[in-house]
C-alpha atoms as a PDB file:
ATOM      1  CA  MET A   1     -43.659  20.027  10.963  1.00  0.00           C
ATOM      2  CA  GLY A   2     -44.710  16.947  12.924  1.00  0.00           C
ATOM      3  CA  ILE A   3     -42.686  15.174  15.558  1.00  0.00           C
ATOM      4  CA  LEU A   4     -41.806  12.288  13.267  1.00  0.00           C
ATOM      5  CA  SER A   5     -40.776  14.652  10.493  1.00  0.00           C
ATOM      6  CA  ARG A   6     -38.559  16.644  12.852  1.00  0.00           C
ATOM      7  CA  ALA A   7     -37.016  13.452  14.238  1.00  0.00           C
ATOM      8  CA  SER A   8     -36.349  12.202  10.719  1.00  0.00           C
ATOM      9  CA  TYR A   9     -34.791  15.537   9.759  1.00  0.00           C
ATOM     10  CA  VAL A  10     -32.557  15.565  12.842  1.00  0.00           C
ATOM     11  CA  ILE A  11     -31.442  11.973  12.232  1.00  0.00           C
ATOM     12  CA  ARG A  12     -30.657  12.673   8.574  1.00  0.00           C
ATOM     13  CA  SER A  13     -28.687  15.801   9.504  1.00  0.00           C
ATOM     14  CA  LYS A  14     -26.692  13.897  12.137  1.00  0.00           C
ATOM     15  CA  VAL A  15     -25.955  11.045   9.747  1.00  0.00           C
ATOM     16  CA  ASN A  16     -24.973  13.519   7.041  1.00  0.00           C
ATOM     17  CA  ALA A  17     -22.552  15.276   9.428  1.00  0.00           C
ATOM     18  CA  LEU A  18     -21.003  11.938  10.408  1.00  0.00           C
ATOM     19  CA  LEU A  19     -20.632  10.956   6.755  1.00  0.00           C
ATOM     20  CA  ASN A  20     -19.008  14.297   5.931  1.00  0.00           C
ATOM     21  CA  ARG A  21     -16.423  13.801   8.672  1.00  0.00           C
ATOM     22  CA  ALA A  22     -15.792  10.188   7.658  1.00  0.00           C
ATOM     23  CA  GLU A  23     -15.668  10.861   3.929  1.00  0.00           C
ATOM     24  CA  ASP A  24     -12.274  10.754   2.245  1.00  0.00           C
ATOM     25  CA  PRO A  25     -12.298  12.889  -0.945  1.00  0.00           C
ATOM     26  CA  THR A  26      -9.690  10.708  -2.631  1.00  0.00           C
ATOM     27  CA  GLU A  27     -11.752   7.585  -2.017  1.00  0.00           C
ATOM     28  CA  SER A  28     -14.884   9.326  -3.272  1.00  0.00           C
ATOM     29  CA  LEU A  29     -13.110  10.357  -6.477  1.00  0.00           C
ATOM     30  CA  ASP A  30     -11.807   6.852  -7.054  1.00  0.00           C
ATOM     31  CA  TYR A  31     -15.273   5.414  -6.447  1.00  0.00           C
ATOM     32  CA  SER A  32     -16.870   7.854  -8.907  1.00  0.00           C
ATOM     33  CA  TYR A  33     -14.246   6.981 -11.490  1.00  0.00           C
ATOM     34  CA  GLU A  34     -14.957   3.278 -11.082  1.00  0.00           C
ATOM     35  CA  GLN A  35     -18.684   3.941 -11.395  1.00  0.00           C
ATOM     36  CA  MET A  36     -18.145   5.764 -14.687  1.00  0.00           C
ATOM     37  CA  ARG A  37     -15.964   2.959 -15.973  1.00  0.00           C
ATOM     38  CA  ASP A  38     -18.663   0.450 -15.056  1.00  0.00           C
ATOM     39  CA  GLU A  39     -21.198   2.557 -16.933  1.00  0.00           C
ATOM     40  CA  LEU A  40     -18.905   2.647 -19.966  1.00  0.00           C
ATOM     41  CA  GLN A  41     -18.565  -1.102 -19.783  1.00  0.00           C
ATOM     42  CA  ASP A  42     -22.356  -1.440 -19.734  1.00  0.00           C
ATOM     43  CA  VAL A  43     -22.598   0.747 -22.838  1.00  0.00           C
ATOM     44  CA  LYS A  44     -20.006  -1.360 -24.608  1.00  0.00           C
ATOM     45  CA  GLN A  45     -21.878  -4.501 -23.628  1.00  0.00           C
ATOM     46  CA  GLY A  46     -25.084  -3.008 -25.012  1.00  0.00           C
ATOM     47  CA  ILE A  47     -23.397  -2.160 -28.300  1.00  0.00           C
ATOM     48  CA  ALA A  48     -22.037  -5.694 -28.511  1.00  0.00           C
ATOM     49  CA  ASP A  49     -25.497  -7.173 -27.881  1.00  0.00           C
ATOM     50  CA  LEU A  50     -27.068  -4.854 -30.463  1.00  0.00           C
ATOM     51  CA  THR A  51     -24.453  -5.735 -33.036  1.00  0.00           C
ATOM     52  CA  THR A  52     -24.980  -9.409 -32.353  1.00  0.00           C
ATOM     53  CA  GLN A  53     -28.717  -9.001 -32.936  1.00  0.00           C
ATOM     54  CA  LYS A  54     -28.075  -7.113 -36.166  1.00  0.00           C
ATOM     55  CA  LYS A  55     -25.736  -9.821 -37.384  1.00  0.00           C
ATOM     56  CA  ARG A  56     -28.394 -12.436 -36.722  1.00  0.00           C
ATOM     57  CA  LEU A  57     -30.888 -10.471 -38.844  1.00  0.00           C
ATOM     58  CA  GLU A  58     -28.336 -10.080 -41.617  1.00  0.00           C
ATOM     59  CA  ILE A  59     -27.712 -13.831 -41.586  1.00  0.00           C
ATOM     60  CA  GLN A  60     -31.459 -14.420 -41.745  1.00  0.00           C
ATOM     61  CA  LYS A  61     -31.721 -11.939 -44.622  1.00  0.00           C
ATOM     62  CA  ARG A  62     -29.002 -13.741 -46.578  1.00  0.00           C
ATOM     63  CA  LYS A  63     -30.826 -17.029 -46.152  1.00  0.00           C
ATOM     64  CA  LEU A  64     -34.056 -15.447 -47.442  1.00  0.00           C
ATOM     65  CA  GLU A  65     -32.174 -14.013 -50.399  1.00  0.00           C
ATOM     66  CA  GLU A  66     -30.832 -17.456 -51.152  1.00  0.00           C
ATOM     67  CA  ASN A  67     -34.394 -18.814 -51.004  1.00  0.00           C
ATOM     68  CA  VAL A  68     -35.520 -16.101 -53.408  1.00  0.00           C
ATOM     69  CA  GLU A  69     -32.895 -17.230 -55.890  1.00  0.00           C
ATOM     70  CA  LYS A  70     -33.949 -20.812 -55.387  1.00  0.00           C
ATOM     71  CA  HIS A  71     -37.596 -19.997 -56.017  1.00  0.00           C
ATOM     72  CA  ASN A  72     -36.602 -18.135 -59.174  1.00  0.00           C
ATOM     73  CA  ARG A  73     -34.847 -21.240 -60.489  1.00  0.00           C
ATOM     74  CA  GLN A  74     -37.798 -23.396 -59.517  1.00  0.00           C
ATOM     75  CA  ALA A  75     -40.222 -21.110 -61.355  1.00  0.00           C
ATOM     76  CA  ARG A  76     -38.090 -21.148 -64.484  1.00  0.00           C
ATOM     77  CA  GLU A  77     -37.745 -24.907 -64.489  1.00  0.00           C
ATOM     78  CA  ALA A  78     -41.486 -25.323 -63.972  1.00  0.00           C
ATOM     79  CA  VAL A  79     -42.230 -23.008 -66.903  1.00  0.00           C
ATOM     80  CA  GLN A  80     -39.803 -24.944 -69.090  1.00  0.00           C
ATOM     81  CA  GLN A  81     -41.645 -28.162 -68.217  1.00  0.00           C
ATOM     82  CA  ASP A  82     -45.045 -26.548 -68.785  1.00  0.00           C
ATOM     83  CA  ARG A  83     -45.885 -26.710 -65.105  1.00  0.00           C
ATOM     84  CA  ASP A  84     -47.401 -23.348 -64.515  1.00  0.00           C
ATOM     85  CA  ASP A  85     -48.892 -24.509 -61.259  1.00  0.00           C
ATOM     86  CA  LEU A  86     -45.430 -25.259 -59.849  1.00  0.00           C
ATOM     87  CA  ALA A  87     -44.077 -22.054 -61.277  1.00  0.00           C
ATOM     88  CA  ARG A  88     -46.902 -20.133 -59.548  1.00  0.00           C
ATOM     89  CA  LYS A  89     -46.139 -21.754 -56.185  1.00  0.00           C
ATOM     90  CA  ALA A  90     -42.455 -20.949 -56.556  1.00  0.00           C
ATOM     91  CA  LEU A  91     -43.204 -17.333 -57.373  1.00  0.00           C
ATOM     92  CA  GLU A  92     -45.598 -17.058 -54.417  1.00  0.00           C
ATOM     93  CA  LYS A  93     -42.869 -18.316 -52.078  1.00  0.00           C
ATOM     94  CA  LYS A  94     -40.422 -15.925 -53.695  1.00  0.00           C
ATOM     95  CA  LYS A  95     -42.744 -13.014 -53.030  1.00  0.00           C
ATOM     96  CA  SER A  96     -43.202 -14.046 -49.394  1.00  0.00           C
ATOM     97  CA  LYS A  97     -39.469 -14.298 -48.915  1.00  0.00           C
ATOM     98  CA  MET A  98     -38.920 -10.907 -50.501  1.00  0.00           C
ATOM     99  CA  ALA A  99     -41.451  -9.363 -48.103  1.00  0.00           C
ATOM    100  CA  GLN A 100     -39.560 -10.878 -45.192  1.00  0.00           C
ATOM    101  CA  ILE A 101     -36.299  -9.573 -46.612  1.00  0.00           C
ATOM    102  CA  GLU A 102     -37.765  -6.088 -46.860  1.00  0.00           C
ATOM    103  CA  GLU A 103     -38.920  -6.266 -43.243  1.00  0.00           C
ATOM    104  CA  LEU A 104     -35.514  -7.491 -42.124  1.00  0.00           C
ATOM    105  CA  GLU A 105     -33.803  -4.702 -44.009  1.00  0.00           C
ATOM    106  CA  GLY A 106     -35.903  -2.170 -42.074  1.00  0.00           C
ATOM    107  CA  GLN A 107     -35.010  -3.787 -38.762  1.00  0.00           C
ATOM    108  CA  ILE A 108     -31.348  -3.935 -39.712  1.00  0.00           C
ATOM    109  CA  ALA A 109     -31.409  -0.238 -40.644  1.00  0.00           C
ATOM    110  CA  GLU A 110     -32.954   0.649 -37.276  1.00  0.00           C
ATOM    111  CA  LEU A 111     -30.334  -1.415 -35.492  1.00  0.00           C
ATOM    112  CA  ASN A 112     -27.604   0.342 -37.453  1.00  0.00           C
ATOM    113  CA  ASP A 113     -28.964   3.710 -36.392  1.00  0.00           C
ATOM    114  CA  THR A 114     -29.176   2.595 -32.770  1.00  0.00           C
ATOM    115  CA  GLN A 115     -25.689   1.168 -32.959  1.00  0.00           C
ATOM    116  CA  ASP A 116     -24.303   4.410 -34.354  1.00  0.00           C
ATOM    117  CA  GLN A 117     -25.984   6.368 -31.557  1.00  0.00           C
ATOM    118  CA  LEU A 118     -24.615   4.021 -28.915  1.00  0.00           C
ATOM    119  CA  VAL A 119     -21.129   4.192 -30.357  1.00  0.00           C
ATOM    120  CA  GLU A 120     -21.293   7.985 -30.335  1.00  0.00           C
ATOM    121  CA  LYS A 121     -22.482   8.000 -26.720  1.00  0.00           C
ATOM    122  CA  LYS A 122     -19.804   5.506 -25.845  1.00  0.00           C
ATOM    123  CA  ASN A 123     -17.120   7.748 -27.340  1.00  0.00           C
ATOM    124  CA  LYS A 124     -18.460  10.796 -25.471  1.00  0.00           C
ATOM    125  CA  LEU A 125     -18.616   8.873 -22.221  1.00  0.00           C
ATOM    126  CA  GLN A 126     -15.105   7.568 -22.732  1.00  0.00           C
ATOM    127  CA  ASN A 127     -13.834  11.115 -23.337  1.00  0.00           C
ATOM    128  CA  ARG A 128     -15.603  12.292 -20.166  1.00  0.00           C
ATOM    129  CA  ILE A 129     -14.051   9.450 -18.217  1.00  0.00           C
ATOM    130  CA  GLU A 130     -10.596  10.390 -19.445  1.00  0.00           C
ATOM    131  CA  GLU A 131     -11.181  14.023 -18.502  1.00  0.00           C
ATOM    132  CA  PHE A 132     -12.526  12.984 -15.112  1.00  0.00           C
ATOM    133  CA  ARG A 133      -9.508  10.736 -14.583  1.00  0.00           C
ATOM    134  CA  THR A 134      -7.155  13.662 -15.228  1.00  0.00           C
ATOM    135  CA  LYS A 135      -9.131  15.928 -12.878  1.00  0.00           C
ATOM    136  CA  LYS A 136      -9.326  13.137 -10.321  1.00  0.00           C
ATOM    137  CA  GLU A 137      -5.568  12.674 -10.198  1.00  0.00           C
ATOM    138  CA  THR A 138      -5.070  16.436 -10.022  1.00  0.00           C
ATOM    139  CA  MET A 139      -7.583  16.792  -7.182  1.00  0.00           C
ATOM    140  CA  LYS A 140      -6.057  13.853  -5.318  1.00  0.00           C
ATOM    141  CA  ALA A 141      -2.593  15.393  -5.603  1.00  0.00           C
ATOM    142  CA  ARG A 142      -3.892  18.765  -4.390  1.00  0.00           C
ATOM    143  CA  TYR A 143      -5.783  17.170  -1.505  1.00  0.00           C
ATOM    144  CA  GLU A 144      -2.816  15.069  -0.390  1.00  0.00           C
ATOM    145  CA  ALA A 145      -0.535  18.127  -0.585  1.00  0.00           C
ATOM    146  CA  ALA A 146      -3.039  20.204   1.412  1.00  0.00           C
ATOM    147  CA  GLU A 147      -3.427  17.404   3.949  1.00  0.00           C
ATOM    148  CA  ALA A 148       0.335  17.083   4.378  1.00  0.00           C
ATOM    149  CA  SER A 149       0.689  20.849   4.711  1.00  0.00           C
ATOM    150  CA  SER A 150      -2.098  20.895   7.287  1.00  0.00           C
ATOM    151  CA  ARG A 151      -0.439  18.140   9.326  1.00  0.00           C
ATOM    152  CA  VAL A 152       2.887  19.984   9.251  1.00  0.00           C
ATOM    153  CA  SER A 153       1.215  23.244  10.282  1.00  0.00           C
ATOM    154  CA  GLU A 154      -0.625  21.512  13.111  1.00  0.00           C
ATOM    155  CA  ALA A 155       2.608  19.906  14.263  1.00  0.00           C
ATOM    156  CA  MET A 156       4.447  23.252  14.175  1.00  0.00           C
ATOM    157  CA  THR A 157       1.687  25.157  15.974  1.00  0.00           C
ATOM    158  CA  GLY A 158       0.742  22.318  18.309  1.00  0.00           C
ATOM    159  CA  VAL A 159      -2.998  22.476  17.566  1.00  0.00           C
ATOM    160  CA  GLY A 160      -3.398  18.918  16.305  1.00  0.00           C
ATOM    161  CA  ASP A 161      -4.900  16.160  18.419  1.00  0.00           C
ATOM    162  CA  GLU A 162      -1.633  14.261  18.831  1.00  0.00           C
ATOM    163  CA  MET A 163       0.407  17.412  19.490  1.00  0.00           C
ATOM    164  CA  GLU A 164      -2.230  18.520  21.984  1.00  0.00           C
ATOM    165  CA  ASP A 165      -1.699  15.284  23.893  1.00  0.00           C
ATOM    166  CA  VAL A 166       2.083  15.786  23.734  1.00  0.00           C
ATOM    167  CA  SER A 167       1.788  19.387  24.967  1.00  0.00           C
ATOM    168  CA  ARG A 168      -0.462  18.291  27.809  1.00  0.00           C
ATOM    169  CA  SER A 169       2.006  15.565  28.780  1.00  0.00           C
ATOM    170  CA  ILE A 170       4.825  18.116  28.875  1.00  0.00           C
ATOM    171  CA  GLU A 171       2.723  20.448  31.020  1.00  0.00           C
ATOM    172  CA  ARG A 172       1.898  17.645  33.449  1.00  0.00           C
ATOM    173  CA  ALA A 173       5.569  16.646  33.643  1.00  0.00           C
ATOM    174  CA  GLU A 174       6.596  20.252  34.352  1.00  0.00           C
ATOM    175  CA  GLU A 175       3.922  20.617  37.022  1.00  0.00           C
ATOM    176  CA  ARG A 176       4.977  17.349  38.660  1.00  0.00           C
ATOM    177  CA  THR A 177       8.668  18.306  38.539  1.00  0.00           C
ATOM    178  CA  GLU A 178       7.996  21.726  40.091  1.00  0.00           C
ATOM    179  CA  GLU A 179       5.908  20.094  42.792  1.00  0.00           C
ATOM    180  CA  MET A 180       8.682  17.617  43.647  1.00  0.00           C
ATOM    181  CA  GLU A 181      11.326  20.361  43.680  1.00  0.00           C
ATOM    182  CA  ALA A 182       9.186  22.488  46.005  1.00  0.00           C
ATOM    183  CA  ARG A 183       8.604  19.487  48.273  1.00  0.00           C
ATOM    184  CA  ALA A 184      12.325  18.687  48.396  1.00  0.00           C
ATOM    185  CA  GLU A 185      13.170  22.303  49.322  1.00  0.00           C
ATOM    186  CA  ALA A 186      10.444  22.276  51.979  1.00  0.00           C
ATOM    187  CA  MET A 187      11.829  19.073  53.531  1.00  0.00           C
ATOM    188  CA  ASP A 188      15.349  20.538  53.604  1.00  0.00           C
ATOM    189  CA  GLU A 189      14.085  23.729  55.228  1.00  0.00           C
ATOM    190  CA  LEU A 190      12.083  21.840  57.860  1.00  0.00           C
ATOM    191  CA  GLU A 191      15.029  19.571  58.612  1.00  0.00           C
ATOM    192  CA  GLU A 192      17.433  22.510  59.031  1.00  0.00           C
ATOM    193  CA  SER A 193      14.975  24.337  61.281  1.00  0.00           C
ATOM    194  CA  GLY A 194      14.615  21.275  63.489  1.00  0.00           C
ATOM    195  CA  ALA A 195      10.918  20.930  62.849  1.00  0.00           C
ATOM    196  CA  PHE A 196      11.450  17.265  61.976  1.00  0.00           C
ATOM    197  CA  GLU A 197      13.322  15.238  64.622  1.00  0.00           C
ATOM    198  CA  ASP A 198      15.347  12.227  63.571  1.00  0.00           C
ATOM    199  CA  ALA A 199      13.361   9.136  64.580  1.00  0.00           C
ATOM    200  CA  LEU A 200      16.589   7.133  65.109  1.00  0.00           C
ATOM    201  CA  SER A 201      18.251   9.760  67.348  1.00  0.00           C
ATOM    202  CA  ASP A 202      17.429  10.939  70.913  1.00  0.00           C
ATOM    203  CA  LYS A 203      18.995  14.371  70.284  1.00  0.00           C
ATOM    204  CA  ASP A 204      16.857  17.438  69.937  1.00  0.00           C
ATOM    205  CA  SER A 205      17.557  20.688  68.126  1.00  0.00           C
ATOM    206  CA  ILE A 206      19.454  22.171  71.117  1.00  0.00           C
ATOM    207  CA  ASP A 207      21.843  19.212  71.247  1.00  0.00           C
ATOM    208  CA  ARG A 208      22.515  19.507  67.545  1.00  0.00           C
ATOM    209  CA  GLU A 209      23.154  23.250  67.790  1.00  0.00           C
ATOM    210  CA  LEU A 210      25.596  22.769  70.688  1.00  0.00           C
ATOM    211  CA  GLU A 211      27.405  20.074  68.768  1.00  0.00           C
ATOM    212  CA  SER A 212      27.669  22.399  65.808  1.00  0.00           C
ATOM    213  CA  LEU A 213      29.178  25.145  67.968  1.00  0.00           C
ATOM    214  CA  SER A 214      31.624  22.688  69.538  1.00  0.00           C
ATOM    215  CA  THR A 215      32.645  21.419  66.144  1.00  0.00           C
ATOM    216  CA  ASN A 216      33.173  24.939  64.860  1.00  0.00           C
ATOM    217  CA  SER A 217      35.334  25.784  67.903  1.00  0.00           C
ATOM    218  CA  GLU A 218      37.468  22.700  67.404  1.00  0.00           C
ATOM    219  CA  VAL A 219      37.895  23.514  63.731  1.00  0.00           C
ATOM    220  CA  ASP A 220      38.907  27.105  64.541  1.00  0.00           C
ATOM    221  CA  ALA A 221      41.416  25.910  67.094  1.00  0.00           C
ATOM    222  CA  GLU A 222      42.930  23.392  64.714  1.00  0.00           C
ATOM    223  CA  LEU A 223      43.109  26.048  62.018  1.00  0.00           C
ATOM    224  CA  GLU A 224      45.010  28.413  64.313  1.00  0.00           C
ATOM    225  CA  THR A 225      47.396  25.587  65.209  1.00  0.00           C
ATOM    226  CA  LEU A 226      48.106  24.913  61.552  1.00  0.00           C
ATOM    227  CA  LYS A 227      48.696  28.585  60.923  1.00  0.00           C
ATOM    228  CA  GLY A 228      51.146  28.714  63.813  1.00  0.00           C
ATOM    229  CA  GLU A 229      53.069  25.677  62.569  1.00  0.00           C
ATOM    230  CA  LEU A 230      53.280  27.042  59.024  1.00  0.00           C
ATOM    231  CA  GLY A 231      54.155  30.584  60.117  1.00  0.00           C
ATOM    232  CA  LYS A 232      50.883  31.913  58.766  1.00  0.00           C
ATOM    233  CA  GLY A 233      49.853  33.650  62.001  1.00  0.00           C
ATOM    234  CA  GLU A 234      48.971  37.311  62.181  1.00  0.00           C
ATOM    235  CA  PRO A 235      52.061  39.522  61.920  1.00  0.00           C
ATOM    236  CA  LYS A 236      52.974  41.631  64.902  1.00  0.00           C
ATOM    237  CA  SER A 237      54.192  44.508  62.765  1.00  0.00           C
ATOM    238  CA  ASP A 238      53.573  45.941  59.348  1.00  0.00           C
ATOM    239  CA  SER A 239      56.822  44.424  57.992  1.00  0.00           C
ATOM    240  CA  GLY A 240      55.517  40.880  58.654  1.00  0.00           C
ATOM    241  CA  GLY A 241      58.317  39.833  61.220  1.00  0.00           C
ATOM    242  CA  ALA A 242      59.456  40.529  64.799  1.00  0.00           C
ATOM    243  CA  THR A 243      62.354  43.022  65.391  1.00  0.00           C
ATOM    244  CA  ASP A 244      65.375  42.449  67.684  1.00  0.00           C
ATOM    245  CA  GLU A 245      63.971  44.832  70.248  1.00  0.00           C
ATOM    246  CA  GLU A 246      60.707  42.888  70.374  1.00  0.00           C
ATOM    247  CA  VAL A 247      62.612  39.618  70.855  1.00  0.00           C
ATOM    248  CA  GLU A 248      64.673  41.132  73.686  1.00  0.00           C
ATOM    249  CA  ASP A 249      61.539  42.526  75.339  1.00  0.00           C
ATOM    250  CA  GLU A 250      59.896  39.091  75.118  1.00  0.00           C
ATOM    251  CA  LEU A 251      62.941  37.462  76.747  1.00  0.00           C
ATOM    252  CA  ALA A 252      62.940  40.069  79.470  1.00  0.00           C
ATOM    253  CA  ASP A 253      59.297  39.421  80.179  1.00  0.00           C
ATOM    254  CA  ILE A 254      59.938  35.686  80.449  1.00  0.00           C
ATOM    255  CA  GLU A 255      62.830  36.286  82.881  1.00  0.00           C
ATOM    256  CA  SER A 256      60.781  38.680  85.005  1.00  0.00           C
ATOM    257  CA  GLU A 257      58.102  36.035  85.380  1.00  0.00           C
ATOM    258  CA  ILE A 258      60.532  33.764  87.103  1.00  0.00           C
ATOM    259  CA  ASP A 259      61.169  34.680  90.723  1.00  0.00           C
ATOM    260  CA  ALA A 260      64.837  35.471  91.313  1.00  0.00           C
ATOM    261  CA  ASP A 261      64.960  33.744  94.661  1.00  0.00           C
ATOM    262  CA  ASP A 262      63.323  30.596  93.370  1.00  0.00           C
ATOM    263  CA  LEU A 263      65.634  30.605  90.425  1.00  0.00           C
ATOM    264  CA  GLU A 264      68.724  30.773  92.644  1.00  0.00           C
ATOM    265  CA  ALA A 265      67.370  28.044  94.929  1.00  0.00           C
ATOM    266  CA  ASP A 266      66.640  25.843  91.985  1.00  0.00           C
ATOM    267  CA  LEU A 267      70.061  26.479  90.543  1.00  0.00           C
ATOM    268  CA  ASP A 268      71.751  25.570  93.853  1.00  0.00           C
ATOM    269  CA  GLY A 269      69.535  22.594  94.639  1.00  0.00           C
ATOM    270  CA  ASP A 270      68.882  20.994  91.351  1.00  0.00           C
ATOM    271  CA  SER A 271      70.962  21.153  88.208  1.00  0.00           C
ATOM    272  CA  GLY A 272      68.083  19.561  86.233  1.00  0.00           C
ATOM    273  CA  ALA A 273      65.931  22.636  86.747  1.00  0.00           C
ATOM    274  CA  ASP A 274      68.734  24.760  85.309  1.00  0.00           C
ATOM    275  CA  GLU A 275      68.661  22.665  82.191  1.00  0.00           C
ATOM    276  CA  GLU A 276      64.919  23.064  81.935  1.00  0.00           C
ATOM    277  CA  VAL A 277      65.208  26.846  82.151  1.00  0.00           C
ATOM    278  CA  ASP A 278      67.927  26.845  79.521  1.00  0.00           C
ATOM    279  CA  VAL A 279      65.744  24.720  77.237  1.00  0.00           C
ATOM    280  CA  GLU A 280      62.812  27.036  77.797  1.00  0.00           C
ATOM    281  CA  LEU A 281      64.959  30.073  77.011  1.00  0.00           C
ATOM    282  CA  GLU A 282      66.284  28.404  73.852  1.00  0.00           C
ATOM    283  CA  GLU A 283      62.757  27.517  72.683  1.00  0.00           C
ATOM    284  CA  SER A 284      61.664  31.098  73.273  1.00  0.00           C
ATOM    285  CA  GLU A 285      64.576  32.370  71.220  1.00  0.00           C
ATOM    286  CA  VAL A 286      63.794  29.906  68.423  1.00  0.00           C
ATOM    287  CA  ASP A 287      60.158  30.926  68.388  1.00  0.00           C
ATOM    288  CA  ALA A 288      61.178  34.543  68.246  1.00  0.00           C
ATOM    289  CA  ASP A 289      63.648  33.925  65.423  1.00  0.00           C
ATOM    290  CA  GLU A 290      61.204  31.956  63.207  1.00  0.00           C
ATOM    291  CA  PRO A 291      59.247  34.965  61.912  1.00  0.00           C
ATOM    292  CA  ARG A 292      62.508  36.642  60.883  1.00  0.00           C
ATOM    293  CA  ASN A 293      63.552  33.593  58.907  1.00  0.00           C
END
């Protein structure tokens, strides 16, 4: 095989493959059906032309037959008037016309045969077209059903071109989302570890840690204060309240802390100090009585 032959073969094969992919079976069936209908129309037109030609010959035959009758009358009249010469001419014309009529009859018979054959072929072709039309509609329905089923299957399985694009878009979105989530977690971790310093602040990680400890201490202190005010402090005994003996011991401890000599001097020198001691003793008793209440 020469180079040109191989190139021609390759080109024809490529073009054939492209045509196969571009071909729509339903369109091909419709086109074939139209071609057959055009062929049937041509056959009908041929039959009409043939019939027209036959009718023209029949008209010509009738005119010749009329001439034959005319020549018969002329021959008879000539014989009656003793004009044999005219009678002979009339009979010669009659014979010529009869020969033409015989020839026309042969042509008309041939045209009749041809017409009958064409009509028979036309009927067969018309029957084939009707059968093809039925098969065409059936094949189109089957093809459209198969095509719809194929599209649904491709959509369900995700193997179609459009669904492949959709699946790829979903994958890209998931990858991008995971990347952003990982980046956000990384930024939070770096910020908590102090790897990234705040550009608007002159504090470093040590300052922030000390502030956190100070804040926690203040919160703990405030919490203990609230517990003390609400009587939610830790109980000093299993029963949840102080006993009378514990209250008396606490009062004794407070009195022992005050120097007896200083107390007497304060009592003699300043009555205001006595009031302060009394107030302090009363507050101690109140604080001791609160758990029991």
